[in-house]
Amino acid sequence: MAFVPGEPLSNDSSVVLQKAREHTLLIIDTNEVRAQHLARLLTFAGLRAIVTSTSYQAFNRFLKERFVPRLILIGQQEETTNPLFARFSQRLLQDLQQDIPVMPLSSIYLNDGLLLTAEESISSTMHCISPPNRLILRRIWQVLPSAQIPLKTMEHSMALESLPKIGFRPRVARSKRSFSSHLHYQLKAAKHVIPPDQWDVLTDVGLAQFCQEDQWPSAVDQFTIPPEYFSLLTRAVMFSRPEQPLQQVHHWADQVEADTLHKALLIFLMQQIPKIIGADRTMRTLLGVLTNEIDSRRGEKLTEWKRLEDGSFIFVFYSNIFVYSQMGSERPLCTMWQSSFDLILRLTKQQQQWNIREVECSSQTHTGHCVFLISPRQR
């Protein structure tokens, strides 16, 4: 069966974060829960939120970071009568040579910040778009139409159309919880790569609770972490180095500690496998190891792979955590999984044997699922 290759991950940051760079939205809201939910929603829609609680904080961040807000979202209407807000608005007009529209949040209620989510009671095969949060985005788009993205699932996708014909069984996450240890080590790695003066970027993506290390989830294998946290953290890592976001994610992936692939015994076994069983069986073994590790972290079977007749392999991440709820991307975004595959090839000295790349990403198709193609290199 033939598959149409997707576009490889782009190193062009002007593409990867283009919409976010062009659409910064400033939130001024003392309601922290609402501000964090809204920050998540904007992040999942491909935008860049700057989260503050007062005009003073917003003004300070503007002077320090020189961002260009396209829209100001105000939580408390009385904030607009604050003399400091008037000074801030005047400074924006002076520096940017344009009036920045202001939108009140008083009538907006967000139960969560999710845009695309697994709801098995609605669909057992693909993710669903949140109706109430869709309406909130449309209100924002009325003021900022250039920020719009298509809020629908791609009509034709490999995960839902082509792959089931060869035995794949699309599914969505049921428990929607992952190991707390997984996020703990992801945060620990992020702390190494995000500059200290940018660590508050976690607040801007809706993860303010993790700015303080003593608030991190414990390093134990308990199913407590919602999948969207991984997607938001990935975005925070990208925002911390906007000129080279994908390279920053690769650097982050390389820093992750306590990953099964780094355990000495497994590294030894992985290095010995190719000497014993050859390239094809090596890949089968490695994919089995990876599948078991990922599924154990999530507490359910959310990966699937098969070998094709031409010797290639297809690997699917269902309800993929690293782009969970993300929509409207211009390119595949599963850099974390790409880095994991690259690491596997390095550890097993299989770089010359296999080429691995993402051929379908949920951030583009909006199915919730991501597909990788593993092909033998031509000799």
Protein backbone atom coordinates (compact mmCIF):
# COMPACT_ATOMS: atom_id res chain seq x y z
CA MET A 1 0.00 0.00 0.00
CA ALA A 2 1.38 3.41 -0.95
CA PHE A 3 1.48 6.32 1.48
CA VAL A 4 1.88 9.95 0.54
CA PRO A 5 4.76 11.31 2.63
CA GLY A 6 4.01 14.33 4.74
CA GLU A 7 6.28 17.33 4.83
CA PRO A 8 9.33 16.86 7.04
CA LEU A 9 9.75 19.01 10.10
CA SER A 10 10.85 22.47 9.06
CA ASN A 11 13.79 24.23 10.64
CA ASP A 12 12.33 27.53 9.49
CA SER A 13 11.09 29.24 12.65
CA SER A 14 9.26 31.78 10.51
CA VAL A 15 6.94 28.92 9.58
CA VAL A 16 6.81 27.01 12.87
CA LEU A 17 5.90 29.99 15.06
CA GLN A 18 4.77 32.44 12.40
CA LYS A 19 1.18 32.79 13.59
CA ALA A 20 2.26 33.08 17.22
CA ARG A 21 4.82 35.77 16.38
CA GLU A 22 2.28 37.74 14.40
CA HIS A 23 -0.53 37.35 16.93
CA THR A 24 0.43 38.21 20.50
CA LEU A 25 -2.56 38.73 22.78
CA LEU A 26 -2.13 40.48 26.12
CA ILE A 27 -4.26 39.24 29.02
CA ILE A 28 -4.77 41.54 32.02
CA ASP A 29 -6.91 39.65 34.51
CA THR A 30 -6.84 39.16 38.28
CA ASN A 31 -8.95 36.02 37.87
CA GLU A 32 -6.03 33.61 37.64
CA VAL A 33 -8.11 30.54 36.79
CA ARG A 34 -9.80 32.27 33.87
CA ALA A 35 -6.52 33.80 32.70
CA GLN A 36 -4.79 30.42 32.73
CA HIS A 37 -7.62 28.68 30.89
CA LEU A 38 -7.65 31.44 28.29
CA ALA A 39 -3.87 31.25 27.91
CA ARG A 40 -4.18 27.53 27.19
CA LEU A 41 -6.91 28.08 24.63
CA LEU A 42 -4.92 30.76 22.80
CA THR A 43 -1.81 28.58 22.86
CA PHE A 44 -3.68 25.62 21.41
CA ALA A 45 -5.00 27.90 18.66
CA GLY A 46 -1.43 28.72 17.63
CA LEU A 47 -1.31 32.18 19.21
CA ARG A 48 1.02 33.76 21.78
CA ALA A 49 -0.50 34.87 25.07
CA ILE A 50 1.16 37.28 27.49
CA VAL A 51 -0.49 36.80 30.89
CA THR A 52 -0.52 39.57 33.49
CA SER A 53 -2.83 40.49 36.35
CA THR A 54 -2.53 44.30 36.42
CA SER A 55 -1.79 47.23 34.13
CA TYR A 56 1.42 47.79 36.07
CA GLN A 57 2.63 44.26 35.34
CA ALA A 58 1.57 44.52 31.70
CA PHE A 59 3.38 47.84 31.27
CA ASN A 60 6.55 46.45 32.86
CA ARG A 61 6.56 43.40 30.62
CA PHE A 62 6.05 45.56 27.55
CA LEU A 63 9.01 47.77 28.46
CA LYS A 64 11.16 44.71 29.13
CA GLU A 65 10.15 42.40 26.27
CA ARG A 66 8.90 44.84 23.62
CA PHE A 67 6.16 42.52 22.40
CA VAL A 68 3.53 43.84 19.99
CA PRO A 69 0.03 43.06 21.31
CA ARG A 70 -2.62 42.70 18.63
CA LEU A 71 -5.42 42.58 21.20
CA ILE A 72 -5.75 43.31 24.93
CA LEU A 73 -8.10 41.05 26.88
CA ILE A 74 -9.27 42.80 30.06
CA GLY A 75 -10.70 40.81 32.95
CA GLN A 76 -11.98 43.68 35.10
CA GLN A 77 -13.63 46.61 33.35
CA GLU A 78 -12.51 49.04 36.06
CA GLU A 79 -8.92 48.36 34.98
CA THR A 80 -9.55 50.50 31.90
CA THR A 81 -10.15 53.53 34.16
CA ASN A 82 -6.82 53.05 35.91
CA PRO A 83 -4.52 56.00 35.08
CA LEU A 84 -1.67 53.55 34.55
CA PHE A 85 -3.68 51.71 31.91
CA ALA A 86 -4.22 55.03 30.13
CA ARG A 87 -0.47 55.68 30.22
CA PHE A 88 0.19 52.17 28.95
CA SER A 89 -2.27 52.63 26.08
CA GLN A 90 -0.67 55.94 25.19
CA ARG A 91 2.77 54.34 25.17
CA LEU A 92 1.54 51.56 22.90
CA LEU A 93 0.10 54.13 20.51
CA GLN A 94 3.33 56.11 20.59
CA ASP A 95 5.61 53.12 19.99
CA LEU A 96 3.43 51.07 17.64
CA GLN A 97 1.67 53.89 15.82
CA GLN A 98 -1.69 52.18 16.13
CA ASP A 99 -4.55 51.78 18.57
CA ILE A 100 -4.69 48.33 20.15
CA PRO A 101 -8.25 47.00 20.48
CA VAL A 102 -9.49 46.06 23.94
CA MET A 103 -11.90 43.18 24.57
CA PRO A 104 -13.60 42.63 27.97
CA LEU A 105 -13.59 39.17 29.52
CA SER A 106 -16.43 39.78 31.96
CA SER A 107 -18.90 37.64 29.99
CA ILE A 108 -16.43 34.87 29.18
CA TYR A 109 -16.42 31.64 31.17
CA LEU A 110 -14.03 28.81 30.44
CA ASN A 111 -14.49 25.47 32.13
CA ASP A 112 -11.08 24.53 30.74
CA GLY A 113 -8.71 25.71 28.04
CA LEU A 114 -9.02 22.72 25.74
CA LEU A 115 -9.68 23.12 22.04
CA LEU A 116 -9.42 19.55 20.75
CA THR A 117 -9.95 16.69 23.18
CA ALA A 118 -10.59 12.98 23.51
CA GLU A 119 -14.24 12.35 24.38
CA GLU A 120 -14.94 8.65 23.94
CA SER A 121 -18.66 9.14 24.58
CA ILE A 122 -18.80 11.33 21.45
CA SER A 123 -16.23 9.60 19.25
CA SER A 124 -14.16 6.50 19.94
CA THR A 125 -11.85 7.11 16.97
CA MET A 126 -10.94 10.80 16.87
CA HIS A 127 -10.76 13.93 19.00
CA CYS A 128 -13.59 16.45 19.19
CA ILE A 129 -13.53 20.24 19.09
CA SER A 130 -14.88 21.96 22.21
CA PRO A 131 -18.13 23.82 21.29
CA PRO A 132 -17.96 26.47 24.07
CA ASN A 133 -14.27 27.21 23.53
CA ARG A 134 -14.82 27.34 19.78
CA LEU A 135 -17.33 30.16 20.40
CA ILE A 136 -14.82 32.06 22.52
CA LEU A 137 -12.23 31.87 19.77
CA ARG A 138 -14.75 33.11 17.23
CA ARG A 139 -15.46 36.14 19.41
CA ILE A 140 -11.75 36.90 19.42
CA TRP A 141 -11.52 36.36 15.67
CA GLN A 142 -14.24 38.95 15.10
CA VAL A 143 -11.77 41.48 16.44
CA LEU A 144 -8.68 39.77 15.03
CA PRO A 145 -9.73 37.90 11.86
CA SER A 146 -6.16 37.18 10.75
CA ALA A 147 -5.78 34.82 13.74
CA GLN A 148 -8.40 32.38 12.45
CA ILE A 149 -7.66 28.69 11.95
CA PRO A 150 -9.95 25.98 10.52
CA LEU A 151 -11.92 24.44 13.38
CA LYS A 152 -12.65 21.13 11.73
CA THR A 153 -11.07 17.73 11.26
CA MET A 154 -9.29 17.15 7.97
CA GLU A 155 -11.60 15.29 5.62
CA HIS A 156 -9.03 12.66 4.63
CA SER A 157 -6.33 11.39 6.97
CA MET A 158 -4.08 8.37 7.15
CA ALA A 159 -4.96 7.68 10.78
CA LEU A 160 -8.70 7.46 10.13
CA GLU A 161 -8.92 6.44 6.49
CA SER A 162 -5.86 4.66 5.06
CA LEU A 163 -4.41 2.86 8.06
CA PRO A 164 -7.62 1.09 9.20
CA LYS A 165 -7.64 -0.64 5.81
CA ILE A 166 -4.44 -2.46 6.77
CA GLY A 167 -5.51 -3.36 10.28
CA PHE A 168 -4.89 -0.30 12.43
CA ARG A 169 -7.59 0.46 14.99
CA PRO A 170 -8.00 4.19 15.73
CA ARG A 171 -8.87 4.98 19.34
CA VAL A 172 -8.85 7.87 21.79
CA ALA A 173 -7.57 8.11 25.34
CA ARG A 174 -10.09 7.03 27.96
CA SER A 175 -8.41 7.83 31.27
CA LYS A 176 -6.70 11.03 30.03
CA ARG A 177 -4.07 10.81 32.76
CA SER A 178 -0.34 10.09 32.52
CA PHE A 179 2.43 9.32 35.00
CA SER A 180 3.29 12.27 37.23
CA SER A 181 6.93 11.17 36.98
CA HIS A 182 6.82 11.73 33.22
CA LEU A 183 5.90 15.41 33.59
CA HIS A 184 8.29 15.82 36.53
CA TYR A 185 11.27 14.87 34.39
CA GLN A 186 9.98 16.87 31.44
CA LEU A 187 9.85 19.95 33.69
CA LYS A 188 13.29 19.18 35.08
CA ALA A 189 14.69 19.02 31.56
CA ALA A 190 12.86 22.21 30.56
CA LYS A 191 14.45 23.99 33.52
CA HIS A 192 17.84 23.23 31.96
CA VAL A 193 17.03 24.69 28.54
CA ILE A 194 14.69 27.62 29.28
CA PRO A 195 16.71 30.66 30.44
CA PRO A 196 15.92 31.65 34.05
CA ASP A 197 14.62 35.06 33.02
CA GLN A 198 12.13 33.36 30.69
CA TRP A 199 10.87 30.67 33.06
CA ASP A 200 7.63 32.62 33.54
CA VAL A 201 6.76 31.61 29.98
CA LEU A 202 5.00 28.72 31.72
CA THR A 203 2.42 31.25 32.93
CA ASP A 204 1.88 32.44 29.37
CA VAL A 205 0.92 28.94 28.17
CA GLY A 206 -1.35 28.17 31.12
CA LEU A 207 1.07 26.25 33.36
CA ALA A 208 1.55 28.90 36.06
CA GLN A 209 1.26 26.29 38.81
CA PHE A 210 4.61 24.82 37.77
CA CYS A 211 6.66 28.02 37.89
CA GLN A 212 7.67 27.07 41.43
CA GLU A 213 9.64 23.84 41.65
CA ASP A 214 7.98 22.84 44.92
CA GLN A 215 4.70 22.70 42.99
CA TRP A 216 5.96 20.19 40.45
CA PRO A 217 4.27 16.78 40.34
CA SER A 218 6.10 14.11 42.28
CA ALA A 219 8.50 11.74 40.53
CA VAL A 220 6.28 8.71 41.09
CA ASP A 221 4.38 6.51 38.67
CA GLN A 222 0.85 7.69 39.44
CA PHE A 223 -1.75 8.58 36.81
CA THR A 224 -2.46 12.20 37.73
CA ILE A 225 -1.33 14.39 34.81
CA PRO A 226 -3.71 15.57 32.04
CA PRO A 227 -2.24 15.00 28.56
CA GLU A 228 -2.54 18.66 27.54
CA TYR A 229 0.16 19.64 30.05
CA PHE A 230 2.80 17.99 27.86
CA SER A 231 1.57 19.85 24.79
CA LEU A 232 1.60 23.18 26.64
CA LEU A 233 5.08 22.56 28.02
CA THR A 234 6.30 21.80 24.50
CA ARG A 235 4.94 25.16 23.38
CA ALA A 236 6.62 26.92 26.31
CA VAL A 237 9.96 25.42 25.31
CA MET A 238 9.44 26.68 21.75
CA PHE A 239 8.53 30.19 22.94
CA SER A 240 11.69 30.34 25.05
CA ARG A 241 13.78 30.37 21.86
CA PRO A 242 11.47 31.67 19.14
CA GLU A 243 14.23 32.12 16.59
CA GLN A 244 15.00 28.36 16.68
CA PRO A 245 12.01 26.63 18.30
CA LEU A 246 12.52 23.13 16.90
CA GLN A 247 16.19 23.09 17.81
CA GLN A 248 15.16 24.13 21.32
CA VAL A 249 12.76 21.20 21.56
CA HIS A 250 15.50 18.84 20.36
CA HIS A 251 17.78 20.25 23.06
CA TRP A 252 15.02 19.76 25.62
CA ALA A 253 14.47 16.17 24.53
CA ASP A 254 18.18 15.45 24.88
CA GLN A 255 18.07 16.77 28.45
CA VAL A 256 15.24 14.55 29.64
CA GLU A 257 16.43 12.39 32.51
CA ALA A 258 15.22 9.04 33.83
CA ASP A 259 13.91 8.08 30.41
CA THR A 260 13.87 4.32 29.95
CA LEU A 261 16.13 4.65 26.93
CA HIS A 262 18.87 6.12 29.14
CA LYS A 263 18.96 3.30 31.65
CA ALA A 264 22.31 1.58 31.47
CA LEU A 265 20.97 -1.95 31.14
CA LEU A 266 18.56 -1.08 28.35
CA ILE A 267 21.24 0.88 26.50
CA PHE A 268 23.49 -2.15 26.68
CA LEU A 269 20.75 -4.45 25.40
CA MET A 270 19.84 -2.07 22.60
CA GLN A 271 23.45 -1.89 21.50
CA GLN A 272 23.73 -5.67 21.45
CA ILE A 273 20.46 -6.42 19.64
CA PRO A 274 21.64 -5.49 16.10
CA LYS A 275 24.66 -7.75 16.41
CA ILE A 276 22.41 -10.69 17.12
CA ILE A 277 19.24 -10.38 15.06
CA GLY A 278 19.80 -7.95 12.17
CA ALA A 279 18.17 -4.66 11.14
CA ASP A 280 14.58 -5.76 10.54
CA ARG A 281 14.14 -7.76 13.72
CA THR A 282 16.04 -5.06 15.59
CA MET A 283 13.44 -2.50 14.56
CA ARG A 284 10.60 -4.83 15.54
CA THR A 285 12.19 -5.29 18.96
CA LEU A 286 12.81 -1.58 19.45
CA LEU A 287 9.26 -0.65 18.51
CA GLY A 288 7.99 -3.23 20.96
CA VAL A 289 10.11 -1.68 23.73
CA LEU A 290 8.94 1.83 22.84
CA THR A 291 5.29 0.75 22.70
CA ASN A 292 5.42 -0.88 26.12
CA GLU A 293 7.11 2.15 27.68
CA ILE A 294 4.67 4.72 26.26
CA ASP A 295 1.58 2.67 27.02
CA SER A 296 2.72 2.04 30.59
CA ARG A 297 3.16 5.77 31.15
CA ARG A 298 -0.37 6.44 29.96
CA GLY A 299 -2.08 3.44 31.48
CA GLU A 300 -3.73 2.24 28.28
CA LYS A 301 -2.91 1.04 24.78
CA LEU A 302 -2.36 4.23 22.77
CA THR A 303 0.35 3.19 20.33
CA GLU A 304 0.26 0.82 17.39
CA TRP A 305 2.73 -0.23 14.71
CA LYS A 306 2.87 -2.56 11.75
CA ARG A 307 5.44 -3.69 9.22
CA LEU A 308 4.57 -3.03 5.57
CA GLU A 309 5.32 -5.31 2.64
CA ASP A 310 8.15 -3.07 1.43
CA GLY A 311 10.00 -3.47 4.75
CA SER A 312 8.91 -0.11 6.15
CA PHE A 313 7.07 0.36 9.43
CA ILE A 314 4.17 2.61 10.38
CA PHE A 315 4.00 3.81 14.00
CA VAL A 316 0.93 5.65 15.33
CA PHE A 317 0.59 7.71 18.51
CA TYR A 318 -3.11 7.89 19.40
CA SER A 319 -4.24 10.91 21.46
CA ASN A 320 -0.66 12.14 21.16
CA ILE A 321 0.31 14.04 24.31
CA PHE A 322 2.92 16.32 22.74
CA VAL A 323 0.41 17.99 20.40
CA TYR A 324 -2.69 17.25 22.47
CA SER A 325 -5.40 19.85 21.68
CA GLN A 326 -3.05 21.77 19.34
CA MET A 327 -4.65 22.98 16.10
CA GLY A 328 -3.86 25.02 13.01
CA SER A 329 -0.17 24.23 12.61
CA GLU A 330 1.63 24.88 9.32
CA ARG A 331 4.02 21.94 9.82
CA PRO A 332 4.19 18.67 11.79
CA LEU A 333 5.15 19.45 15.38
CA CYS A 334 6.11 16.12 17.00
CA THR A 335 9.72 17.09 17.53
CA MET A 336 9.86 15.35 20.90
CA TRP A 337 8.94 11.98 19.39
CA GLN A 338 11.27 12.61 16.45
CA SER A 339 14.09 13.17 18.94
CA SER A 340 13.19 9.94 20.75
CA PHE A 341 13.35 7.98 17.51
CA ASP A 342 16.66 9.64 16.62
CA LEU A 343 18.03 8.66 20.03
CA ILE A 344 16.96 5.05 19.52
CA LEU A 345 18.79 4.93 16.20
CA ARG A 346 21.92 6.42 17.76
CA LEU A 347 21.94 4.02 20.70
CA THR A 348 21.54 1.02 18.43
CA LYS A 349 23.87 2.37 15.75
CA GLN A 350 21.06 2.06 13.22
CA GLN A 351 21.28 5.56 11.69
CA GLN A 352 22.57 4.12 8.43
CA GLN A 353 19.80 1.52 8.31
CA TRP A 354 16.63 3.54 8.86
CA ASN A 355 15.02 6.88 8.14
CA ILE A 356 12.24 7.97 10.53
CA ARG A 357 9.97 10.95 10.06
CA GLU A 358 6.49 12.17 10.86
CA VAL A 359 4.13 11.92 7.91
CA GLU A 360 0.91 13.04 9.59
CA CYS A 361 0.43 15.29 12.61
CA SER A 362 -2.72 15.96 14.61
CA SER A 363 -1.75 19.63 14.86
CA GLN A 364 -2.66 19.75 11.15
CA THR A 365 -5.32 17.04 10.72
CA HIS A 366 -7.02 17.60 14.11
CA THR A 367 -7.71 13.88 14.59
CA GLY A 368 -5.69 13.60 17.80
CA HIS A 369 -3.33 11.07 16.22
CA CYS A 370 0.17 11.30 14.73
CA VAL A 371 1.82 8.92 12.26
CA PHE A 372 5.50 8.16 11.72
CA LEU A 373 6.99 6.31 8.75
CA ILE A 374 10.11 4.21 9.38
CA SER A 375 11.79 3.35 6.08
CA PRO A 376 14.92 1.36 5.23
CA ARG A 377 17.58 3.63 3.80
CA GLN A 378 18.43 3.04 0.16
CA ARG A 379 21.88 1.57 -0.31
